[in-house]
N, C-alpha and C. Protein backbone atom coordinates (compact mmCIF):
# COMPACT_ATOMS: atom_id res chain seq x y z
N MET A 1 232.15 -14.01 163.69
CA MET A 1 233.06 -15.03 164.10
C MET A 1 233.01 -16.20 164.33
N GLN A 2 233.82 -17.26 163.37
CA GLN A 2 233.40 -18.64 163.85
C GLN A 2 234.11 -19.06 164.79
N ALA A 3 233.16 -20.30 164.92
CA ALA A 3 233.38 -20.75 166.70
C ALA A 3 234.87 -21.09 166.70
N HIS A 4 235.87 -21.67 165.93
CA HIS A 4 237.18 -21.70 166.37
C HIS A 4 238.10 -20.85 166.21
N GLU A 5 237.31 -20.01 165.85
CA GLU A 5 238.26 -18.59 165.85
C GLU A 5 238.09 -17.90 167.26
N ARG A 6 236.89 -18.15 168.18
CA ARG A 6 237.19 -17.53 169.52
C ARG A 6 238.02 -18.23 170.13
N ILE A 7 238.76 -19.74 170.00
CA ILE A 7 240.24 -20.14 170.41
C ILE A 7 241.21 -18.98 170.37
N SER A 8 241.25 -18.90 168.78
CA SER A 8 242.53 -18.27 168.12
C SER A 8 242.32 -16.64 169.56
N ALA A 9 241.42 -16.16 169.18
CA ALA A 9 241.26 -15.00 170.03
C ALA A 9 241.19 -14.65 171.31
N ALA A 10 240.92 -16.04 171.97
CA ALA A 10 241.54 -16.04 173.08
C ALA A 10 242.62 -16.01 173.73
N ILE A 11 243.31 -16.85 172.78
CA ILE A 11 244.68 -16.96 173.11
C ILE A 11 245.54 -15.80 172.85
N ALA A 12 245.28 -15.06 171.77
CA ALA A 12 245.57 -14.01 171.03
C ALA A 12 245.67 -13.00 171.95
N ALA A 13 244.68 -12.82 173.10
CA ALA A 13 244.32 -11.91 173.72
C ALA A 13 245.26 -12.08 175.01
N THR A 14 245.57 -13.34 175.22
CA THR A 14 246.21 -13.48 176.62
C THR A 14 247.79 -13.29 176.14
N ASN A 15 248.18 -13.26 174.81
CA ASN A 15 249.49 -12.69 174.23
C ASN A 15 249.39 -10.82 174.69
N ASP A 16 248.49 -10.70 174.23
CA ASP A 16 248.40 -9.34 174.11
C ASP A 16 248.42 -8.56 175.60
N ASP A 17 248.21 -9.28 176.53
CA ASP A 17 248.04 -8.83 177.86
C ASP A 17 249.51 -9.32 178.65
N GLY A 18 250.59 -10.25 177.81
CA GLY A 18 251.84 -10.17 177.90
C GLY A 18 251.90 -11.39 178.80
N ARG A 19 250.68 -12.32 178.71
CA ARG A 19 250.95 -13.65 179.53
C ARG A 19 250.71 -15.05 178.38
N THR A 20 250.88 -15.89 178.81
CA THR A 20 250.49 -17.49 178.24
C THR A 20 249.57 -18.13 178.44
N ALA A 21 248.50 -18.21 177.60
CA ALA A 21 247.50 -18.72 177.77
C ALA A 21 247.23 -20.35 178.35
N LEU A 22 246.62 -19.99 179.20
CA LEU A 22 246.20 -21.48 180.16
C LEU A 22 244.87 -22.26 179.44
N VAL A 23 245.68 -23.16 179.06
CA VAL A 23 244.53 -24.28 178.68
C VAL A 23 244.40 -25.83 179.56
N PRO A 24 243.28 -25.63 180.47
CA PRO A 24 243.24 -26.69 181.29
C PRO A 24 242.49 -28.09 180.93
N PHE A 25 242.86 -29.18 181.22
CA PHE A 25 241.85 -30.04 180.85
C PHE A 25 241.35 -30.84 181.88
N ILE A 26 239.85 -31.35 181.73
CA ILE A 26 239.17 -32.07 182.56
C ILE A 26 238.79 -33.02 181.86
N THR A 27 238.50 -34.01 182.18
CA THR A 27 237.66 -35.26 181.76
C THR A 27 235.84 -35.26 182.26
N ALA A 28 235.26 -35.14 181.11
CA ALA A 28 233.90 -34.83 181.41
C ALA A 28 233.16 -35.90 182.50
N GLY A 29 232.30 -35.01 183.56
CA GLY A 29 231.44 -36.05 184.20
C GLY A 29 232.35 -36.69 185.29
N TYR A 30 234.08 -36.19 185.49
CA TYR A 30 234.79 -36.91 186.47
C TYR A 30 234.82 -35.45 187.30
N PRO A 31 235.02 -35.71 188.61
CA PRO A 31 234.64 -37.20 189.56
C PRO A 31 233.41 -37.46 189.43
N HIS A 32 232.32 -36.64 189.33
CA HIS A 32 230.93 -36.94 188.94
C HIS A 32 230.32 -36.69 188.13
N PRO A 33 229.19 -37.36 187.63
CA PRO A 33 228.49 -36.36 186.70
C PRO A 33 227.45 -35.37 187.54
N ASP A 34 227.05 -35.40 188.51
CA ASP A 34 226.29 -34.50 189.80
C ASP A 34 226.90 -32.95 189.67
N THR A 35 228.33 -33.05 189.69
CA THR A 35 229.56 -32.19 189.32
C THR A 35 230.14 -31.43 188.51
N PHE A 36 229.41 -31.95 187.15
CA PHE A 36 230.41 -31.91 186.13
C PHE A 36 230.39 -30.25 185.35
N ILE A 37 229.02 -29.84 185.26
CA ILE A 37 228.89 -27.92 185.09
C ILE A 37 229.91 -27.66 186.09
N GLU A 38 229.66 -27.65 187.46
CA GLU A 38 229.76 -26.75 188.61
C GLU A 38 231.65 -26.62 188.45
N THR A 39 232.15 -28.34 188.06
CA THR A 39 234.03 -28.37 187.41
C THR A 39 234.00 -27.36 186.67
N LEU A 40 233.30 -27.76 185.67
CA LEU A 40 233.61 -26.92 184.18
C LEU A 40 233.57 -25.40 184.31
N LYS A 41 232.47 -24.96 184.97
CA LYS A 41 232.53 -23.68 185.31
C LYS A 41 233.77 -22.79 186.19
N ALA A 42 234.14 -23.69 186.97
CA ALA A 42 235.17 -23.37 187.99
C ALA A 42 236.41 -23.12 187.29
N VAL A 43 236.92 -24.45 186.40
CA VAL A 43 237.69 -24.48 185.59
C VAL A 43 237.73 -23.16 184.88
N ALA A 44 236.80 -22.88 183.84
CA ALA A 44 236.64 -22.07 182.95
C ALA A 44 236.95 -20.50 183.36
N SER A 45 236.72 -20.38 184.53
CA SER A 45 236.99 -19.26 185.21
C SER A 45 238.36 -18.91 185.63
N VAL A 46 238.95 -19.71 185.27
CA VAL A 46 240.77 -19.78 185.44
C VAL A 46 241.45 -19.88 184.10
N GLY A 47 240.98 -20.59 183.36
CA GLY A 47 241.68 -20.95 182.56
C GLY A 47 240.95 -19.88 181.21
N ASP A 48 241.75 -20.15 179.82
CA ASP A 48 241.46 -19.06 178.72
C ASP A 48 240.90 -19.73 177.57
N VAL A 49 241.10 -21.03 177.87
CA VAL A 49 240.30 -22.40 176.88
C VAL A 49 240.42 -23.26 177.66
N VAL A 50 239.32 -24.13 177.76
CA VAL A 50 239.06 -25.51 178.43
C VAL A 50 239.06 -26.63 177.56
N GLU A 51 240.09 -27.69 177.37
CA GLU A 51 240.23 -28.78 176.75
C GLU A 51 238.96 -29.63 177.82
N LEU A 52 238.31 -30.11 176.87
CA LEU A 52 237.31 -31.08 177.91
C LEU A 52 237.49 -32.73 176.68
N GLY A 53 237.82 -33.73 177.85
CA GLY A 53 237.85 -34.74 177.66
C GLY A 53 236.81 -36.06 177.62
N VAL A 54 236.40 -36.54 176.30
CA VAL A 54 235.31 -37.20 176.16
C VAL A 54 235.70 -38.57 177.15
N PRO A 55 235.22 -39.21 177.78
CA PRO A 55 235.95 -40.32 178.65
C PRO A 55 234.97 -41.77 177.39
N PHE A 56 236.45 -42.49 177.25
CA PHE A 56 236.90 -43.36 176.27
C PHE A 56 237.45 -44.79 177.11
N SER A 57 236.85 -46.26 176.53
CA SER A 57 237.56 -47.23 177.17
C SER A 57 238.43 -47.63 176.90
N ASP A 58 239.05 -46.94 175.96
CA ASP A 58 240.60 -47.83 175.51
C ASP A 58 241.22 -46.42 175.44
N PRO A 59 242.10 -45.34 175.97
CA PRO A 59 242.92 -44.21 175.58
C PRO A 59 244.34 -44.51 175.67
N MET A 60 244.51 -44.95 174.39
CA MET A 60 246.12 -45.66 174.58
C MET A 60 247.05 -44.34 174.69
N ALA A 61 246.36 -43.08 174.13
CA ALA A 61 247.89 -41.93 174.08
C ALA A 61 248.30 -41.51 175.31
N ASP A 62 246.55 -41.60 176.35
CA ASP A 62 246.74 -41.31 178.35
C ASP A 62 247.16 -41.79 178.87
N GLY A 63 247.78 -41.42 180.21
CA GLY A 63 248.37 -42.30 180.84
C GLY A 63 247.67 -42.72 182.11
N MET A 64 247.52 -42.97 183.30
CA MET A 64 247.14 -43.72 184.29
C MET A 64 245.97 -42.61 184.68
N THR A 65 246.32 -41.67 184.97
CA THR A 65 245.21 -40.43 185.55
C THR A 65 244.05 -40.37 184.50
N ILE A 66 244.30 -40.16 183.39
CA ILE A 66 243.00 -40.09 182.49
C ILE A 66 242.28 -41.33 182.33
N GLN A 67 243.47 -42.23 182.36
CA GLN A 67 242.89 -44.05 182.05
C GLN A 67 241.55 -43.91 183.08
N ARG A 68 241.80 -43.47 184.46
CA ARG A 68 241.41 -43.64 185.71
C ARG A 68 240.14 -42.91 185.64
N SER A 69 240.35 -41.56 185.58
CA SER A 69 238.99 -40.61 185.22
C SER A 69 237.80 -40.94 184.35
N SER A 70 238.40 -41.52 182.99
CA SER A 70 237.46 -41.96 181.98
C SER A 70 237.11 -43.35 182.54
N PHE A 71 237.55 -44.02 182.84
CA PHE A 71 236.95 -45.40 183.44
C PHE A 71 235.44 -44.76 184.43
N GLU A 72 235.93 -44.26 185.37
CA GLU A 72 234.87 -43.69 186.49
C GLU A 72 234.03 -43.07 185.55
N ALA A 73 233.99 -42.24 185.12
CA ALA A 73 232.70 -41.52 183.99
C ALA A 73 232.37 -42.24 183.36
N ILE A 74 232.90 -43.46 182.92
CA ILE A 74 232.09 -44.28 182.03
C ILE A 74 230.94 -45.07 182.90
N GLU A 75 231.68 -45.76 184.16
CA GLU A 75 231.25 -46.28 185.15
C GLU A 75 229.79 -45.60 185.29
N ASN A 76 229.87 -44.04 185.50
CA ASN A 76 228.78 -43.40 186.23
C ASN A 76 227.99 -43.10 184.75
N GLY A 77 228.04 -43.57 183.70
CA GLY A 77 226.64 -43.26 182.39
C GLY A 77 227.49 -42.01 181.60
N VAL A 78 228.54 -41.60 181.88
CA VAL A 78 228.77 -40.51 181.16
C VAL A 78 228.94 -40.95 179.44
N THR A 79 228.14 -39.80 178.61
CA THR A 79 228.57 -40.65 177.19
C THR A 79 228.40 -39.31 176.53
N LEU A 80 228.68 -39.09 175.10
CA LEU A 80 228.62 -37.79 174.54
C LEU A 80 227.17 -37.08 174.52
N THR A 81 226.44 -37.97 174.17
CA THR A 81 224.94 -37.44 173.98
C THR A 81 225.07 -36.38 175.28
N TRP A 82 224.95 -37.54 176.48
CA TRP A 82 224.79 -36.73 177.83
C TRP A 82 226.28 -35.51 178.07
N ILE A 83 227.13 -35.30 177.31
CA ILE A 83 227.88 -34.30 177.67
C ILE A 83 227.40 -33.02 176.95
N PHE A 84 227.23 -33.41 175.57
CA PHE A 84 226.36 -32.23 174.89
C PHE A 84 225.26 -31.76 175.51
N ASP A 85 224.14 -32.44 176.17
CA ASP A 85 222.75 -32.62 176.66
C ASP A 85 223.40 -31.30 178.09
N GLN A 86 224.42 -31.41 178.90
CA GLN A 86 225.04 -30.59 179.97
C GLN A 86 225.37 -29.50 179.00
N LEU A 87 226.18 -29.28 178.48
CA LEU A 87 226.80 -28.28 177.58
C LEU A 87 225.67 -27.41 177.47
N GLU A 88 224.55 -27.97 176.64
CA GLU A 88 223.60 -27.01 176.28
C GLU A 88 222.87 -26.36 176.96
N HIS A 89 222.60 -26.80 178.48
CA HIS A 89 221.84 -26.20 179.56
C HIS A 89 222.78 -25.09 180.48
N ALA A 90 224.26 -25.02 179.92
CA ALA A 90 225.25 -24.07 180.95
C ALA A 90 225.63 -23.28 180.07
N ARG A 91 225.46 -23.40 178.73
CA ARG A 91 226.23 -22.88 177.74
C ARG A 91 226.81 -21.04 177.79
N ASP A 92 225.24 -20.76 178.36
CA ASP A 92 225.18 -19.18 178.20
C ASP A 92 226.32 -18.87 179.51
N THR A 93 226.69 -19.61 180.71
CA THR A 93 227.20 -19.60 181.58
C THR A 93 229.08 -19.91 181.68
N ILE A 94 229.38 -20.17 180.54
CA ILE A 94 230.59 -20.70 180.37
C ILE A 94 231.31 -19.65 179.34
N GLU A 95 232.41 -18.75 179.93
CA GLU A 95 232.63 -18.27 178.90
C GLU A 95 233.88 -18.23 178.34
N ALA A 96 234.55 -18.99 178.62
CA ALA A 96 235.91 -19.69 177.95
C ALA A 96 235.42 -20.94 176.58
N PRO A 97 236.05 -20.67 175.80
CA PRO A 97 235.70 -21.42 174.28
C PRO A 97 236.41 -22.80 174.93
N LEU A 98 235.63 -23.69 174.22
CA LEU A 98 235.79 -25.35 174.54
C LEU A 98 236.34 -26.12 173.28
N VAL A 99 236.94 -27.03 173.61
CA VAL A 99 238.15 -27.79 173.29
C VAL A 99 237.61 -29.17 173.64
N MET A 100 236.71 -30.18 172.05
CA MET A 100 236.77 -31.29 172.91
C MET A 100 237.49 -32.31 172.41
N MET A 101 238.17 -33.49 173.19
CA MET A 101 239.49 -34.00 172.96
C MET A 101 238.64 -35.35 173.10
N SER A 102 239.05 -36.08 171.79
CA SER A 102 238.44 -37.62 171.72
C SER A 102 238.57 -38.08 171.05
N TYR A 103 238.49 -39.73 171.40
CA TYR A 103 239.18 -40.72 170.07
C TYR A 103 237.79 -40.83 169.30
N LEU A 104 238.63 -41.57 168.24
CA LEU A 104 238.10 -40.91 166.71
C LEU A 104 236.53 -42.12 167.09
N ASN A 105 236.26 -43.24 167.58
CA ASN A 105 235.46 -44.26 167.61
C ASN A 105 233.94 -43.49 168.01
N PRO A 106 234.05 -42.74 169.33
CA PRO A 106 232.45 -41.95 169.68
C PRO A 106 232.24 -41.09 168.80
N LEU A 107 232.99 -40.45 167.70
CA LEU A 107 232.63 -39.21 167.14
C LEU A 107 232.13 -40.10 165.98
N LEU A 108 233.09 -40.90 165.21
CA LEU A 108 232.44 -41.90 164.61
C LEU A 108 230.55 -42.09 164.90
N ALA A 109 230.66 -43.20 165.75
CA ALA A 109 229.18 -43.41 165.71
C ALA A 109 228.12 -42.37 165.86
N PHE A 110 228.39 -40.97 166.46
CA PHE A 110 227.55 -39.89 167.18
C PHE A 110 227.18 -39.55 165.58
N GLY A 111 228.18 -39.94 164.36
CA GLY A 111 227.64 -39.18 162.93
C GLY A 111 228.31 -37.66 162.88
N TYR A 112 229.19 -37.41 162.02
CA TYR A 112 230.00 -36.15 161.92
C TYR A 112 229.13 -35.20 161.54
N GLU A 113 227.96 -35.24 161.06
CA GLU A 113 227.14 -33.75 160.74
C GLU A 113 226.51 -33.62 161.95
N TYR A 114 225.85 -34.02 162.48
CA TYR A 114 225.12 -34.34 163.72
C TYR A 114 226.01 -33.60 165.06
N LEU A 115 227.41 -34.42 165.08
CA LEU A 115 228.20 -33.93 165.62
C LEU A 115 228.53 -32.15 165.75
N ALA A 116 228.96 -32.06 164.32
CA ALA A 116 228.89 -30.73 164.29
C ALA A 116 228.17 -29.82 164.88
N LYS A 117 226.71 -30.09 164.25
CA LYS A 117 225.52 -29.15 164.48
C LYS A 117 225.51 -29.14 166.22
N ARG A 118 225.66 -30.08 167.31
CA ARG A 118 225.90 -30.26 168.67
C ARG A 118 226.78 -29.54 168.90
N ALA A 119 228.09 -29.69 168.20
CA ALA A 119 228.90 -28.78 169.13
C ALA A 119 228.82 -27.09 169.06
N ARG A 120 228.68 -26.71 168.07
CA ARG A 120 227.95 -25.29 167.67
C ARG A 120 227.02 -25.30 168.48
N GLU A 121 226.32 -25.96 168.57
CA GLU A 121 225.04 -25.45 169.84
C GLU A 121 225.38 -25.42 171.06
N THR A 122 226.33 -25.65 171.14
CA THR A 122 226.83 -26.21 172.81
C THR A 122 227.59 -25.76 173.48
N GLY A 123 228.75 -24.76 172.53
CA GLY A 123 229.70 -24.04 172.55
C GLY A 123 231.16 -24.79 172.48
N VAL A 124 231.14 -26.05 171.52
CA VAL A 124 232.25 -26.45 171.49
C VAL A 124 232.88 -26.20 170.20
N CYS A 125 234.04 -25.57 170.00
CA CYS A 125 234.70 -24.74 169.36
C CYS A 125 235.46 -25.30 168.08
N SER A 126 236.06 -26.64 168.45
CA SER A 126 237.23 -27.38 168.13
C SER A 126 237.10 -28.41 168.90
N PHE A 127 237.88 -29.68 167.88
CA PHE A 127 238.22 -31.02 168.23
C PHE A 127 239.53 -31.11 168.03
N ILE A 128 240.06 -32.25 169.33
CA ILE A 128 241.38 -32.59 169.03
C ILE A 128 241.50 -33.92 168.95
N VAL A 129 241.44 -34.77 168.41
CA VAL A 129 240.86 -36.52 167.58
C VAL A 129 242.32 -37.07 167.80
N PRO A 130 242.97 -37.28 168.68
CA PRO A 130 244.75 -38.10 168.71
C PRO A 130 244.83 -39.58 167.78
N ASP A 131 243.77 -40.10 167.77
CA ASP A 131 243.74 -41.02 166.57
C ASP A 131 243.50 -41.00 165.42
N LEU A 132 243.72 -39.98 164.92
CA LEU A 132 242.85 -39.32 163.16
C LEU A 132 244.26 -38.88 162.80
N PRO A 133 244.94 -39.69 161.61
CA PRO A 133 245.79 -38.90 160.68
C PRO A 133 244.93 -38.04 160.16
N PHE A 134 245.93 -37.07 159.81
CA PHE A 134 245.68 -36.00 158.94
C PHE A 134 244.78 -36.42 157.22
N GLU A 135 245.51 -37.30 157.36
CA GLU A 135 244.78 -38.01 155.63
C GLU A 135 243.84 -38.64 155.67
N GLU A 136 243.23 -39.20 156.94
CA GLU A 136 242.17 -39.48 157.11
C GLU A 136 240.92 -38.61 157.66
N SER A 137 241.10 -37.52 157.53
CA SER A 137 240.49 -36.56 158.48
C SER A 137 239.70 -35.61 157.31
N ALA A 138 239.85 -36.08 155.87
CA ALA A 138 238.82 -35.17 155.17
C ALA A 138 237.29 -34.95 155.47
N GLU A 139 236.37 -36.15 156.09
CA GLU A 139 235.30 -36.17 155.88
C GLU A 139 234.41 -35.43 157.37
N ILE A 140 235.77 -35.80 158.50
CA ILE A 140 235.08 -35.03 159.83
C ILE A 140 235.47 -33.91 159.24
N ARG A 141 236.76 -33.09 158.97
CA ARG A 141 236.75 -31.68 159.02
C ARG A 141 235.33 -30.81 157.85
N ALA A 142 234.99 -31.58 156.87
CA ALA A 142 234.40 -30.77 156.31
C ALA A 142 232.85 -30.73 156.97
N ALA A 143 232.90 -31.90 157.61
CA ALA A 143 231.60 -31.84 158.83
C ALA A 143 231.11 -30.76 159.20
N LEU A 144 233.14 -30.74 160.03
CA LEU A 144 233.09 -29.54 161.20
C LEU A 144 232.90 -28.19 160.63
N ALA A 145 233.39 -27.95 159.45
CA ALA A 145 234.17 -26.79 159.48
C ALA A 145 232.59 -26.20 158.50
N ALA A 146 231.61 -27.08 158.34
CA ALA A 146 230.28 -26.16 158.01
C ALA A 146 229.75 -25.72 158.47
N GLU A 147 229.75 -26.23 159.81
CA GLU A 147 229.52 -25.55 161.30
C GLU A 147 230.03 -24.14 161.53
N GLY A 148 231.39 -24.26 160.88
CA GLY A 148 232.61 -23.15 161.71
C GLY A 148 233.07 -23.90 162.69
N VAL A 149 233.12 -24.89 162.95
CA VAL A 149 234.13 -26.02 164.65
C VAL A 149 235.16 -26.24 163.51
N GLY A 150 236.40 -26.41 164.63
CA GLY A 150 237.69 -26.49 163.94
C GLY A 150 237.89 -27.87 164.41
N LEU A 151 239.05 -28.15 164.00
CA LEU A 151 239.67 -29.56 163.93
C LEU A 151 240.90 -29.11 164.05
N ILE A 152 241.83 -29.64 165.54
CA ILE A 152 243.05 -29.26 165.82
C ILE A 152 244.07 -30.58 165.70
N GLN A 153 245.20 -30.03 164.95
CA GLN A 153 246.06 -31.15 164.21
C GLN A 153 246.88 -31.18 165.60
N LEU A 154 247.73 -31.96 165.27
CA LEU A 154 249.05 -32.39 166.14
C LEU A 154 250.30 -32.77 165.43
N VAL A 155 251.41 -32.14 166.23
CA VAL A 155 252.63 -32.32 165.91
C VAL A 155 253.44 -32.71 166.89
N THR A 156 254.72 -33.39 166.43
CA THR A 156 255.69 -33.97 167.65
C THR A 156 256.92 -33.39 167.12
N PRO A 157 257.90 -33.72 168.26
CA PRO A 157 259.48 -33.09 167.54
C PRO A 157 260.11 -34.03 166.57
N ALA A 158 259.55 -35.44 165.97
CA ALA A 158 259.69 -35.90 164.77
C ALA A 158 259.37 -35.65 163.57
N THR A 159 258.02 -34.38 163.67
CA THR A 159 257.07 -33.67 162.34
C THR A 159 258.17 -33.66 161.55
N PRO A 160 258.52 -33.82 160.24
CA PRO A 160 259.10 -33.13 159.03
C PRO A 160 258.94 -31.32 158.86
N ASP A 161 259.78 -30.66 158.63
CA ASP A 161 259.50 -29.71 158.48
C ASP A 161 258.18 -29.30 157.83
N ASP A 162 257.86 -29.82 156.18
CA ASP A 162 257.25 -29.65 155.23
C ASP A 162 255.70 -30.05 156.06
N ARG A 163 255.84 -30.98 156.77
CA ARG A 163 254.77 -31.67 156.89
C ARG A 163 253.82 -30.78 158.45
N LEU A 164 254.79 -30.17 159.22
CA LEU A 164 254.59 -29.29 160.28
C LEU A 164 253.57 -28.39 159.46
N LYS A 165 254.24 -27.21 158.64
CA LYS A 165 253.69 -26.50 158.04
C LYS A 165 252.32 -26.83 157.61
N MET A 166 252.25 -28.19 156.54
CA MET A 166 250.83 -28.45 156.32
C MET A 166 249.82 -28.71 157.54
N LEU A 167 250.39 -29.15 158.54
CA LEU A 167 249.48 -29.64 159.45
C LEU A 167 249.13 -27.83 160.11
N ALA A 168 250.19 -26.97 160.25
CA ALA A 168 250.07 -26.05 160.96
C ALA A 168 248.77 -25.33 160.16
N ASP A 169 248.89 -24.76 158.55
CA ASP A 169 247.98 -24.45 158.13
C ASP A 169 246.31 -25.02 158.03
N ALA A 170 245.96 -26.44 158.39
CA ALA A 170 245.36 -27.17 158.28
C ALA A 170 244.64 -26.71 159.70
N SER A 171 245.43 -26.36 161.05
CA SER A 171 244.83 -26.72 162.33
C SER A 171 243.81 -25.67 162.15
N ARG A 172 242.73 -25.57 163.06
CA ARG A 172 242.18 -24.53 163.47
C ARG A 172 241.55 -24.65 164.80
N GLY A 173 242.23 -23.10 165.52
CA GLY A 173 241.94 -23.10 166.89
C GLY A 173 243.68 -22.88 167.45
N PHE A 174 244.61 -23.71 167.10
CA PHE A 174 245.65 -23.74 167.78
C PHE A 174 246.53 -25.14 167.12
N LEU A 175 247.68 -25.01 167.22
CA LEU A 175 248.48 -26.11 166.81
C LEU A 175 249.02 -26.93 168.29
N TYR A 176 248.42 -28.16 168.12
CA TYR A 176 248.94 -29.13 169.64
C TYR A 176 250.24 -29.17 169.26
N ALA A 177 251.16 -28.86 169.89
CA ALA A 177 252.63 -29.90 169.62
C ALA A 177 252.99 -30.92 171.12
N VAL A 178 252.86 -32.07 170.97
CA VAL A 178 253.49 -32.52 171.66
C VAL A 178 254.70 -32.77 171.78
N THR A 179 254.96 -32.44 173.12
CA THR A 179 256.14 -32.31 173.65
C THR A 179 257.34 -33.81 174.01
N ILE A 180 256.00 -35.11 174.09
CA ILE A 180 257.04 -36.43 174.63
C ILE A 180 256.55 -37.30 173.55
N THR A 181 257.50 -38.26 173.71
CA THR A 181 257.22 -39.71 172.78
C THR A 181 256.45 -40.49 174.17
N GLY A 182 255.60 -41.21 174.03
CA GLY A 182 254.89 -42.00 174.60
C GLY A 182 253.50 -41.62 175.42
N ILE A 183 253.08 -42.21 176.28
CA ILE A 183 251.69 -41.30 176.87
C ILE A 183 251.89 -39.94 177.61
N THR A 184 250.27 -39.76 178.00
CA THR A 184 250.22 -38.52 178.23
C THR A 184 250.62 -38.90 180.00
N GLY A 185 251.48 -37.75 181.08
CA GLY A 185 251.21 -38.17 182.02
C GLY A 185 252.41 -39.04 182.83
N GLY A 186 253.53 -38.85 182.24
CA GLY A 186 254.56 -39.44 182.10
C GLY A 186 255.64 -38.86 183.40
N ALA A 187 256.40 -39.64 184.27
CA ALA A 187 257.25 -38.83 185.10
C ALA A 187 258.40 -38.45 184.68
N ALA A 188 259.19 -38.79 183.33
CA ALA A 188 260.13 -38.40 182.82
C ALA A 188 260.34 -36.82 182.62
N GLY A 189 259.35 -35.90 183.17
CA GLY A 189 259.32 -34.62 182.97
C GLY A 189 259.47 -33.72 181.53
N LEU A 190 259.92 -32.53 181.22
CA LEU A 190 259.86 -32.23 179.66
C LEU A 190 261.23 -32.67 179.27
N PRO A 191 261.37 -32.60 178.09
CA PRO A 191 262.65 -32.63 177.45
C PRO A 191 263.30 -31.00 177.40
N THR A 192 265.04 -31.99 177.55
CA THR A 192 265.49 -30.38 177.90
C THR A 192 265.71 -29.02 176.33
N ASP A 193 265.34 -29.92 175.32
CA ASP A 193 264.90 -29.13 173.85
C ASP A 193 263.94 -28.36 173.81
N LEU A 194 263.39 -28.46 174.74
CA LEU A 194 261.57 -28.07 174.60
C LEU A 194 261.43 -26.78 173.91
N ALA A 195 261.98 -25.95 174.64
CA ALA A 195 262.06 -24.51 174.06
C ALA A 195 262.78 -24.27 172.37
N SER A 196 263.15 -24.73 171.97
CA SER A 196 263.69 -24.93 170.67
C SER A 196 262.79 -25.67 169.81
N TYR A 197 262.25 -26.58 170.43
CA TYR A 197 261.12 -27.41 169.66
C TYR A 197 260.10 -26.38 169.38
N LEU A 198 259.88 -25.94 170.34
CA LEU A 198 258.50 -24.72 170.40
C LEU A 198 258.71 -23.73 169.25
N ASP A 199 259.92 -23.26 169.56
CA ASP A 199 260.15 -22.15 168.42
C ASP A 199 260.30 -22.49 167.30
């Protein structure tokens, strides 16, 4: 089984059990680097898949909560290299598949081939890169695919049907359905037509 297929399998298993998959998000290294693995293990023990945020200095699609947690993690020295090193030491103790969410700059600076290798080695099964359009993603997709790691695509209520199908076909792990316009964590609540959009 390729790494990204672990995500699909975990979600399918919850559907087979008659429940909805829980995919919690944490910012790596927050609230403190010393408790990162302990926090991750606790979250992974109840989540079916865990979304792991890479701290970034300008998280433009994220609301204040993630901005603050990213800022604090960066202040405490959390980097992509540090995250992979921590995951490597704890890999055999975390059963839930990991999805790493990051803006493109840290991944580009890390190097795509090395990124894919470290992801495979540390249990990261797929990536979400919110500021990377599909049309610009061929290089990273190829590097990740060579290691069996996926790239999850994002769609929105404004995505045309033909593009939605294309992105769904290209997505590895699951398809990320953005439900609101603007940054995450807003106070407006969920849209009234959410169910029909997700259908």
